Amino acid sequence: MQELRSIEQLISGGLLAAATEELLLRLEQAPADKELIRVSSNLSARLRSRCMNLACNKATDGSLEAIELEDLLRRVIAFNGEGIYG
C-alpha cells in the first residue's frame, strides 16, 4: 500500500508531525487496519524516543518541541492502545 510506504518514509526522515497527520487521517478511515496499527506503533516508538531525549536534557525539557511531540504521541497512542510509556 503506497500510503503506508509514504508514512514510513516520513517517519524514517524524522518528519514526525507530517507522519502523524497522515497516519491519523488513514486511521480515521480504517481504525482496525492491522498494517496501520503496526505503523502507528513504529511512529509512537519514534515519538516516545524523541520525547525522552528532550526530557533528559535540561535545556529542552518542557520546550515547545517537547510539548508538541508529546501531544503527537498522545494522539497516536489513542489509536493503537499503547500507554504513554509504551
Protein backbone atom coordinates (compact mmCIF):
# COMPACT_ATOMS: atom_id res chain seq x y z
CA MET A 1 0.00 0.00 0.00
CA GLN A 2 1.52 3.28 -1.15
CA GLU A 3 0.07 5.26 1.76
CA LEU A 4 1.92 3.08 4.26
CA ARG A 5 5.22 3.50 2.43
CA SER A 6 4.66 7.24 2.37
CA ILE A 7 4.05 7.33 6.13
CA GLU A 8 7.05 5.06 6.79
CA GLN A 9 9.24 7.37 4.70
CA LEU A 10 8.09 10.37 6.72
CA ILE A 11 8.93 8.50 9.94
CA SER A 12 12.35 7.48 8.61
CA GLY A 13 13.04 11.05 7.55
CA GLY A 14 12.19 12.36 11.01
CA LEU A 15 9.11 14.23 9.79
CA LEU A 16 7.10 13.01 12.74
CA ALA A 17 4.38 15.67 12.67
CA ALA A 18 3.64 15.03 9.00
CA ALA A 19 3.71 11.27 9.59
CA THR A 20 1.28 11.64 12.48
CA GLU A 21 -1.18 13.72 10.49
CA GLU A 22 -1.11 11.30 7.55
CA LEU A 23 -1.41 8.27 9.80
CA LEU A 24 -4.30 9.69 11.81
CA LEU A 25 -6.14 10.54 8.62
CA ARG A 26 -5.78 6.93 7.45
CA LEU A 27 -6.71 5.53 10.87
CA GLU A 28 -9.91 7.56 10.93
CA GLN A 29 -10.89 5.83 7.69
CA ALA A 30 -9.80 2.34 8.77
CA PRO A 31 -9.25 2.21 12.55
CA ALA A 32 -8.85 -1.58 12.69
CA ASP A 33 -6.35 -1.93 9.82
CA LYS A 34 -3.54 -4.10 11.21
CA GLU A 35 -0.87 -2.56 8.97
CA LEU A 36 -1.85 0.95 10.03
CA ILE A 37 -1.69 -0.12 13.68
CA ARG A 38 1.78 -1.59 13.03
CA VAL A 39 2.94 1.70 11.50
CA SER A 40 1.36 3.62 14.38
CA SER A 41 3.40 1.52 16.81
CA ASN A 42 6.57 2.37 14.88
CA LEU A 43 5.64 6.04 14.91
CA SER A 44 4.83 6.05 18.62
CA ALA A 45 8.19 4.42 19.35
CA ARG A 46 9.99 7.18 17.43
CA LEU A 47 7.93 9.89 19.10
CA ARG A 48 8.45 8.36 22.55
CA SER A 49 12.21 8.12 21.99
CA ARG A 50 12.43 11.73 20.86
CA CYS A 51 10.29 12.88 23.80
CA MET A 52 12.54 11.02 26.23
CA ASN A 53 15.67 12.54 24.67
CA LEU A 54 14.23 16.02 25.04
CA ALA A 55 13.08 15.36 28.62
CA CYS A 56 16.55 14.13 29.63
CA ASN A 57 18.15 17.41 28.64
CA LYS A 58 17.60 20.39 30.96
CA ALA A 59 17.84 22.76 28.00
CA THR A 60 14.99 21.06 26.11
CA ASP A 61 12.83 19.63 28.89
CA GLY A 62 9.50 21.45 28.70
CA SER A 63 10.43 23.10 25.41
CA LEU A 64 7.84 23.83 22.74
CA GLU A 65 9.19 20.92 20.69
CA ALA A 66 8.84 18.55 23.64
CA ILE A 67 5.28 19.67 24.29
CA GLU A 68 4.31 19.35 20.63
CA LEU A 69 5.86 15.89 20.31
CA GLU A 70 4.15 14.69 23.48
CA ASP A 71 0.84 15.88 22.05
CA LEU A 72 1.53 13.96 18.83
CA LEU A 73 2.41 10.87 20.85
CA ARG A 74 -0.82 11.09 22.85
CA ARG A 75 -2.83 11.36 19.63
CA VAL A 76 -1.13 8.31 18.09
CA ILE A 77 -1.41 6.06 21.14
CA ALA A 78 -5.12 6.84 21.41
CA PHE A 79 -5.49 4.69 18.28
CA ASN A 80 -3.04 1.87 18.94
CA GLY A 81 -3.85 1.23 22.60
CA GLU A 82 -0.35 1.85 23.95
CA GLY A 83 0.37 3.84 27.06
CA ILE A 84 2.47 6.98 27.22
CA TYR A 85 5.47 4.88 28.32
CA GLY A 86 4.96 2.04 25.87
